[in-house]
Amino acid sequence: MDVGRVPDFCIERHPYEKAVSSAYWHIRSRRQQIPFDEALEIVLEEKRFKDWHRYTDANGKVCVDEILRFEDLEVDLHRIVVERLGIDVPFVLPGLKTESRSDRRPAMEILTSDQKRSVQKVMAEEFDYFAWPV
């Protein structure tokens, strides 16, 4: 990475967490309530939470300098903003859209084995690249 330029980076979250969050967001955005399992099937089919194409080229090559992991976001942003760019700003990350998810357990505990396999199939590139726990 060129020291004199601002790094290109993006943020990625564990696919299970993204799938569960997306399903709850889908439920919240509908006029009629639907069961979580049905919402999850919809977001899996539509690949609503898949962002691989946003930071890779047509061949699947990563096109950003760095991909930050959501679970380490505060530490990584501090490293980039304060240490790398020299901008001394104290910050606390807000918790946005937290009201849409009624079940606050980790996604690993929410999803069934079959649902996990479905997420793994949709997010195969991400599981391979990041070596996410399954």
N, C-alpha and C. Protein backbone atom coordinates (compact mmCIF):
# COMPACT_ATOMS: atom_id res chain seq x y z
N MET A 1 0.85 -1.17 0.00
CA MET A 1 0.00 0.00 0.00
C MET A 1 0.90 1.24 0.00
N ASP A 2 0.62 2.19 -0.88
CA ASP A 2 1.35 3.45 -0.98
C ASP A 2 1.11 4.28 0.28
N VAL A 3 2.17 4.64 0.98
CA VAL A 3 2.04 5.35 2.25
C VAL A 3 1.44 6.74 2.07
N GLY A 4 1.58 7.37 0.90
CA GLY A 4 1.11 8.72 0.68
C GLY A 4 -0.34 8.85 0.27
N ARG A 5 -1.06 7.78 0.17
CA ARG A 5 -2.46 7.88 -0.26
C ARG A 5 -3.40 7.25 0.75
N VAL A 6 -4.65 7.66 0.66
CA VAL A 6 -5.68 7.11 1.55
C VAL A 6 -5.98 5.69 1.09
N PRO A 7 -5.96 4.74 2.00
CA PRO A 7 -6.21 3.34 1.61
C PRO A 7 -7.67 3.11 1.23
N ASP A 8 -7.86 2.25 0.25
CA ASP A 8 -9.21 1.79 -0.10
C ASP A 8 -9.50 0.60 0.79
N PHE A 9 -10.62 0.66 1.47
CA PHE A 9 -10.98 -0.47 2.32
C PHE A 9 -12.48 -0.63 2.36
N CYS A 10 -12.90 -1.79 2.79
CA CYS A 10 -14.32 -2.06 3.00
C CYS A 10 -14.45 -2.88 4.27
N ILE A 11 -15.67 -3.14 4.64
CA ILE A 11 -15.93 -3.86 5.89
C ILE A 11 -16.78 -5.07 5.56
N GLU A 12 -16.40 -6.21 6.10
CA GLU A 12 -17.17 -7.43 5.88
C GLU A 12 -17.52 -8.04 7.24
N ARG A 13 -18.64 -8.70 7.25
CA ARG A 13 -19.19 -9.30 8.46
C ARG A 13 -19.37 -10.79 8.23
N HIS A 14 -19.32 -11.57 9.29
CA HIS A 14 -19.49 -13.01 9.15
C HIS A 14 -20.80 -13.29 8.41
N PRO A 15 -20.79 -14.17 7.42
CA PRO A 15 -21.99 -14.45 6.63
C PRO A 15 -23.22 -14.88 7.44
N TYR A 16 -23.03 -15.62 8.52
CA TYR A 16 -24.19 -16.01 9.33
C TYR A 16 -24.85 -14.77 9.92
N GLU A 17 -24.03 -13.87 10.45
CA GLU A 17 -24.56 -12.64 11.04
C GLU A 17 -25.26 -11.79 9.98
N LYS A 18 -24.66 -11.71 8.80
CA LYS A 18 -25.28 -10.94 7.72
C LYS A 18 -26.61 -11.54 7.31
N ALA A 19 -26.68 -12.86 7.22
CA ALA A 19 -27.91 -13.53 6.81
C ALA A 19 -29.02 -13.33 7.84
N VAL A 20 -28.69 -13.52 9.10
CA VAL A 20 -29.69 -13.36 10.17
C VAL A 20 -30.16 -11.90 10.23
N SER A 21 -29.23 -10.98 10.17
CA SER A 21 -29.58 -9.56 10.20
C SER A 21 -30.46 -9.19 9.01
N SER A 22 -30.11 -9.67 7.85
CA SER A 22 -30.88 -9.38 6.64
C SER A 22 -32.29 -9.96 6.73
N ALA A 23 -32.42 -11.16 7.27
CA ALA A 23 -33.74 -11.78 7.43
C ALA A 23 -34.60 -10.97 8.39
N TYR A 24 -34.03 -10.55 9.51
CA TYR A 24 -34.80 -9.74 10.46
C TYR A 24 -35.16 -8.38 9.85
N TRP A 25 -34.26 -7.80 9.08
CA TRP A 25 -34.55 -6.53 8.43
C TRP A 25 -35.69 -6.73 7.41
N HIS A 26 -35.68 -7.85 6.72
CA HIS A 26 -36.75 -8.16 5.76
C HIS A 26 -38.09 -8.29 6.49
N ILE A 27 -38.09 -8.97 7.60
CA ILE A 27 -39.32 -9.11 8.40
C ILE A 27 -39.82 -7.73 8.82
N ARG A 28 -38.94 -6.91 9.31
CA ARG A 28 -39.31 -5.58 9.81
C ARG A 28 -39.86 -4.69 8.70
N SER A 29 -39.36 -4.85 7.48
CA SER A 29 -39.76 -3.97 6.38
C SER A 29 -41.08 -4.37 5.72
N ARG A 30 -41.62 -5.52 6.08
CA ARG A 30 -42.88 -5.97 5.49
C ARG A 30 -44.08 -5.48 6.30
N ARG A 31 -45.19 -5.35 5.60
CA ARG A 31 -46.43 -4.94 6.28
C ARG A 31 -47.01 -6.10 7.10
N GLN A 32 -46.88 -7.31 6.55
CA GLN A 32 -47.37 -8.49 7.26
C GLN A 32 -46.17 -9.26 7.79
N GLN A 33 -46.28 -9.69 9.03
CA GLN A 33 -45.21 -10.46 9.63
C GLN A 33 -45.10 -11.83 8.98
N ILE A 34 -43.88 -12.28 8.79
CA ILE A 34 -43.63 -13.63 8.30
C ILE A 34 -42.65 -14.29 9.25
N PRO A 35 -42.64 -15.61 9.30
CA PRO A 35 -41.69 -16.29 10.19
C PRO A 35 -40.24 -16.06 9.76
N PHE A 36 -39.34 -16.13 10.72
CA PHE A 36 -37.91 -15.94 10.44
C PHE A 36 -37.44 -16.89 9.35
N ASP A 37 -37.82 -18.18 9.43
CA ASP A 37 -37.36 -19.17 8.45
C ASP A 37 -37.73 -18.77 7.03
N GLU A 38 -38.93 -18.24 6.86
CA GLU A 38 -39.38 -17.81 5.54
C GLU A 38 -38.58 -16.59 5.06
N ALA A 39 -38.36 -15.64 5.95
CA ALA A 39 -37.58 -14.45 5.60
C ALA A 39 -36.15 -14.84 5.23
N LEU A 40 -35.58 -15.78 5.96
CA LEU A 40 -34.22 -16.23 5.66
C LEU A 40 -34.16 -16.87 4.28
N GLU A 41 -35.14 -17.71 3.95
CA GLU A 41 -35.18 -18.31 2.62
C GLU A 41 -35.22 -17.25 1.53
N ILE A 42 -36.00 -16.20 1.74
CA ILE A 42 -36.11 -15.13 0.74
C ILE A 42 -34.78 -14.41 0.56
N VAL A 43 -34.14 -14.02 1.65
CA VAL A 43 -32.88 -13.28 1.52
C VAL A 43 -31.76 -14.17 0.98
N LEU A 44 -31.81 -15.47 1.27
CA LEU A 44 -30.83 -16.39 0.70
C LEU A 44 -31.03 -16.53 -0.80
N GLU A 45 -32.28 -16.69 -1.22
CA GLU A 45 -32.58 -16.84 -2.64
C GLU A 45 -32.19 -15.59 -3.42
N GLU A 46 -32.46 -14.43 -2.84
CA GLU A 46 -32.16 -13.17 -3.51
C GLU A 46 -30.73 -12.69 -3.28
N LYS A 47 -29.99 -13.39 -2.43
CA LYS A 47 -28.60 -13.04 -2.09
C LYS A 47 -28.48 -11.58 -1.67
N ARG A 48 -29.43 -11.12 -0.89
CA ARG A 48 -29.50 -9.72 -0.49
C ARG A 48 -28.30 -9.24 0.31
N PHE A 49 -27.66 -10.11 1.01
CA PHE A 49 -26.59 -9.71 1.91
C PHE A 49 -25.20 -9.99 1.35
N LYS A 50 -25.14 -10.47 0.12
CA LYS A 50 -23.86 -10.84 -0.49
C LYS A 50 -23.20 -9.60 -1.10
N ASP A 51 -22.00 -9.29 -0.62
CA ASP A 51 -21.29 -8.09 -1.07
C ASP A 51 -19.97 -8.41 -1.78
N TRP A 52 -19.68 -9.66 -2.00
CA TRP A 52 -18.41 -10.08 -2.61
C TRP A 52 -18.13 -9.28 -3.89
N HIS A 53 -19.13 -9.07 -4.71
CA HIS A 53 -18.96 -8.35 -5.98
C HIS A 53 -18.62 -6.87 -5.78
N ARG A 54 -18.83 -6.34 -4.60
CA ARG A 54 -18.56 -4.92 -4.35
C ARG A 54 -17.08 -4.63 -4.14
N TYR A 55 -16.32 -5.63 -3.72
CA TYR A 55 -14.90 -5.39 -3.47
C TYR A 55 -13.97 -6.35 -4.22
N THR A 56 -14.53 -7.04 -5.22
CA THR A 56 -13.71 -7.92 -6.07
C THR A 56 -14.03 -7.60 -7.53
N ASP A 57 -13.11 -8.00 -8.42
CA ASP A 57 -13.37 -7.82 -9.85
C ASP A 57 -14.10 -9.04 -10.41
N ALA A 58 -14.30 -9.09 -11.70
CA ALA A 58 -15.04 -10.17 -12.34
C ALA A 58 -14.39 -11.54 -12.14
N ASN A 59 -13.11 -11.55 -11.84
CA ASN A 59 -12.39 -12.81 -11.61
C ASN A 59 -12.32 -13.19 -10.13
N GLY A 60 -12.97 -12.40 -9.28
CA GLY A 60 -12.95 -12.69 -7.85
C GLY A 60 -11.71 -12.19 -7.14
N LYS A 61 -10.92 -11.33 -7.80
CA LYS A 61 -9.71 -10.77 -7.18
C LYS A 61 -10.10 -9.55 -6.34
N VAL A 62 -9.64 -9.52 -5.12
CA VAL A 62 -9.93 -8.40 -4.22
C VAL A 62 -9.31 -7.13 -4.78
N CYS A 63 -10.10 -6.06 -4.83
CA CYS A 63 -9.68 -4.79 -5.44
C CYS A 63 -9.55 -3.65 -4.45
N VAL A 64 -9.48 -3.94 -3.18
CA VAL A 64 -9.27 -2.92 -2.15
C VAL A 64 -7.99 -3.26 -1.41
N ASP A 65 -7.44 -2.25 -0.74
CA ASP A 65 -6.20 -2.47 0.00
C ASP A 65 -6.40 -3.38 1.20
N GLU A 66 -7.57 -3.25 1.81
CA GLU A 66 -7.80 -3.98 3.05
C GLU A 66 -9.30 -4.20 3.26
N ILE A 67 -9.63 -5.34 3.81
CA ILE A 67 -11.01 -5.64 4.19
C ILE A 67 -11.03 -5.79 5.70
N LEU A 68 -11.77 -4.89 6.33
CA LEU A 68 -11.87 -4.91 7.78
C LEU A 68 -12.97 -5.89 8.18
N ARG A 69 -12.75 -6.58 9.25
CA ARG A 69 -13.77 -7.49 9.78
C ARG A 69 -14.65 -6.72 10.76
N PHE A 70 -15.93 -6.88 10.60
CA PHE A 70 -16.90 -6.15 11.42
C PHE A 70 -16.65 -6.34 12.91
N GLU A 71 -16.30 -7.56 13.30
CA GLU A 71 -16.11 -7.83 14.73
C GLU A 71 -14.90 -7.10 15.31
N ASP A 72 -13.98 -6.62 14.45
CA ASP A 72 -12.80 -5.87 14.88
C ASP A 72 -12.86 -4.42 14.41
N LEU A 73 -14.03 -3.95 14.05
CA LEU A 73 -14.17 -2.67 13.36
C LEU A 73 -13.61 -1.48 14.13
N GLU A 74 -13.92 -1.36 15.38
CA GLU A 74 -13.47 -0.18 16.13
C GLU A 74 -11.94 -0.12 16.18
N VAL A 75 -11.29 -1.23 16.44
CA VAL A 75 -9.83 -1.27 16.50
C VAL A 75 -9.24 -0.97 15.12
N ASP A 76 -9.79 -1.57 14.07
CA ASP A 76 -9.27 -1.36 12.72
C ASP A 76 -9.48 0.06 12.22
N LEU A 77 -10.65 0.65 12.50
CA LEU A 77 -10.88 2.03 12.10
C LEU A 77 -9.93 2.97 12.82
N HIS A 78 -9.71 2.71 14.09
CA HIS A 78 -8.75 3.52 14.84
C HIS A 78 -7.37 3.42 14.19
N ARG A 79 -6.98 2.21 13.83
CA ARG A 79 -5.67 2.00 13.20
C ARG A 79 -5.57 2.79 11.90
N ILE A 80 -6.60 2.77 11.10
CA ILE A 80 -6.56 3.46 9.80
C ILE A 80 -6.68 4.97 9.97
N VAL A 81 -7.68 5.41 10.72
CA VAL A 81 -7.96 6.85 10.83
C VAL A 81 -6.91 7.57 11.68
N VAL A 82 -6.62 7.04 12.85
CA VAL A 82 -5.71 7.73 13.75
C VAL A 82 -4.25 7.43 13.43
N GLU A 83 -3.90 6.15 13.36
CA GLU A 83 -2.50 5.79 13.17
C GLU A 83 -2.03 6.00 11.73
N ARG A 84 -2.80 5.54 10.76
CA ARG A 84 -2.37 5.61 9.36
C ARG A 84 -2.55 7.00 8.76
N LEU A 85 -3.73 7.62 8.99
CA LEU A 85 -4.02 8.91 8.39
C LEU A 85 -3.66 10.09 9.29
N GLY A 86 -3.40 9.80 10.57
CA GLY A 86 -2.99 10.85 11.48
C GLY A 86 -4.11 11.80 11.89
N ILE A 87 -5.34 11.35 11.78
CA ILE A 87 -6.48 12.17 12.18
C ILE A 87 -6.87 11.75 13.59
N ASP A 88 -6.66 12.65 14.53
CA ASP A 88 -6.91 12.31 15.93
C ASP A 88 -8.35 12.61 16.29
N VAL A 89 -9.20 11.64 16.07
CA VAL A 89 -10.62 11.81 16.40
C VAL A 89 -11.06 10.67 17.31
N PRO A 90 -11.47 10.99 18.52
CA PRO A 90 -12.02 9.92 19.36
C PRO A 90 -13.41 9.58 18.82
N PHE A 91 -13.69 8.33 18.68
CA PHE A 91 -15.01 7.97 18.16
C PHE A 91 -15.51 6.72 18.84
N VAL A 92 -16.82 6.67 18.93
CA VAL A 92 -17.52 5.49 19.41
C VAL A 92 -18.50 5.14 18.32
N LEU A 93 -18.46 3.92 17.87
CA LEU A 93 -19.34 3.52 16.78
C LEU A 93 -20.78 3.40 17.28
N PRO A 94 -21.71 3.97 16.53
CA PRO A 94 -23.12 3.87 16.94
C PRO A 94 -23.66 2.48 16.64
N GLY A 95 -24.66 2.07 17.35
CA GLY A 95 -25.35 0.81 17.07
C GLY A 95 -26.58 1.11 16.23
N LEU A 96 -26.47 0.98 14.93
CA LEU A 96 -27.58 1.30 14.04
C LEU A 96 -28.40 0.07 13.71
N LYS A 97 -29.66 0.27 13.49
CA LYS A 97 -30.61 -0.78 13.09
C LYS A 97 -30.68 -1.92 14.10
N THR A 98 -30.35 -1.67 15.34
CA THR A 98 -30.34 -2.74 16.33
C THR A 98 -31.74 -3.18 16.73
N GLU A 99 -32.74 -2.34 16.49
CA GLU A 99 -34.10 -2.67 16.90
C GLU A 99 -34.77 -3.67 15.97
N SER A 100 -34.21 -3.92 14.79
CA SER A 100 -34.87 -4.82 13.84
C SER A 100 -34.68 -6.29 14.19
N ARG A 101 -33.69 -6.61 14.99
CA ARG A 101 -33.40 -8.00 15.32
C ARG A 101 -33.90 -8.32 16.73
N SER A 102 -34.96 -9.10 16.79
CA SER A 102 -35.53 -9.41 18.10
C SER A 102 -34.72 -10.46 18.86
N ASP A 103 -34.11 -11.38 18.17
CA ASP A 103 -33.30 -12.43 18.81
C ASP A 103 -31.85 -11.96 18.80
N ARG A 104 -31.31 -11.62 19.95
CA ARG A 104 -29.97 -11.04 20.05
C ARG A 104 -28.87 -12.09 20.20
N ARG A 105 -29.23 -13.36 20.17
CA ARG A 105 -28.20 -14.40 20.26
C ARG A 105 -27.29 -14.34 19.04
N PRO A 106 -26.06 -14.86 19.15
CA PRO A 106 -25.20 -14.95 17.97
C PRO A 106 -25.87 -15.79 16.88
N ALA A 107 -25.63 -15.43 15.65
CA ALA A 107 -26.25 -16.13 14.51
C ALA A 107 -25.93 -17.62 14.52
N MET A 108 -24.74 -17.98 14.99
CA MET A 108 -24.36 -19.40 15.07
C MET A 108 -25.36 -20.20 15.91
N GLU A 109 -25.96 -19.54 16.89
CA GLU A 109 -26.93 -20.21 17.75
C GLU A 109 -28.34 -20.15 17.19
N ILE A 110 -28.62 -19.19 16.35
CA ILE A 110 -29.96 -19.03 15.79
C ILE A 110 -30.20 -19.98 14.62
N LEU A 111 -29.22 -20.09 13.75
CA LEU A 111 -29.38 -20.88 12.53
C LEU A 111 -29.32 -22.38 12.80
N THR A 112 -30.13 -23.13 12.07
CA THR A 112 -30.06 -24.59 12.13
C THR A 112 -28.88 -25.05 11.27
N SER A 113 -28.54 -26.31 11.35
CA SER A 113 -27.45 -26.85 10.53
C SER A 113 -27.75 -26.69 9.05
N ASP A 114 -28.99 -26.96 8.65
CA ASP A 114 -29.38 -26.81 7.25
C ASP A 114 -29.29 -25.35 6.80
N GLN A 115 -29.72 -24.44 7.65
CA GLN A 115 -29.64 -23.02 7.30
C GLN A 115 -28.19 -22.57 7.17
N LYS A 116 -27.33 -23.07 8.05
CA LYS A 116 -25.91 -22.74 7.96
C LYS A 116 -25.33 -23.23 6.64
N ARG A 117 -25.70 -24.45 6.23
CA ARG A 117 -25.21 -24.97 4.95
C ARG A 117 -25.70 -24.12 3.79
N SER A 118 -26.92 -23.64 3.87
CA SER A 118 -27.47 -22.77 2.81
C SER A 118 -26.69 -21.46 2.74
N VAL A 119 -26.38 -20.88 3.88
CA VAL A 119 -25.60 -19.64 3.90
C VAL A 119 -24.20 -19.92 3.35
N GLN A 120 -23.61 -21.04 3.74
CA GLN A 120 -22.28 -21.39 3.25
C GLN A 120 -22.26 -21.54 1.73
N LYS A 121 -23.32 -22.08 1.19
CA LYS A 121 -23.40 -22.26 -0.26
C LYS A 121 -23.47 -20.90 -0.98
N VAL A 122 -24.33 -20.01 -0.47
CA VAL A 122 -24.48 -18.68 -1.07
C VAL A 122 -23.20 -17.86 -0.91
N MET A 123 -22.54 -18.01 0.22
CA MET A 123 -21.38 -17.19 0.55
C MET A 123 -20.06 -17.98 0.47
N ALA A 124 -19.97 -18.90 -0.45
CA ALA A 124 -18.81 -19.78 -0.55
C ALA A 124 -17.50 -19.00 -0.71
N GLU A 125 -17.49 -17.96 -1.54
CA GLU A 125 -16.25 -17.19 -1.74
C GLU A 125 -15.79 -16.54 -0.44
N GLU A 126 -16.75 -15.99 0.31
CA GLU A 126 -16.41 -15.32 1.55
C GLU A 126 -15.88 -16.31 2.59
N PHE A 127 -16.52 -17.47 2.68
CA PHE A 127 -16.04 -18.47 3.63
C PHE A 127 -14.63 -18.92 3.27
N ASP A 128 -14.35 -19.09 1.99
CA ASP A 128 -13.01 -19.49 1.56
C ASP A 128 -11.98 -18.40 1.83
N TYR A 129 -12.29 -17.19 1.41
CA TYR A 129 -11.32 -16.08 1.51
C TYR A 129 -11.02 -15.72 2.96
N PHE A 130 -12.04 -15.59 3.78
CA PHE A 130 -11.85 -15.13 5.16
C PHE A 130 -11.65 -16.27 6.15
N ALA A 131 -11.84 -17.50 5.72
CA ALA A 131 -11.73 -18.67 6.62
C ALA A 131 -12.63 -18.49 7.83
N TRP A 132 -13.89 -18.06 7.57
CA TRP A 132 -14.85 -17.86 8.64
C TRP A 132 -15.14 -19.20 9.32
N PRO A 133 -15.37 -19.19 10.62
CA PRO A 133 -15.78 -20.43 11.28
C PRO A 133 -17.19 -20.85 10.81
N VAL A 134 -17.37 -22.13 10.65
CA VAL A 134 -18.67 -22.66 10.24
C VAL A 134 -19.28 -23.40 11.40
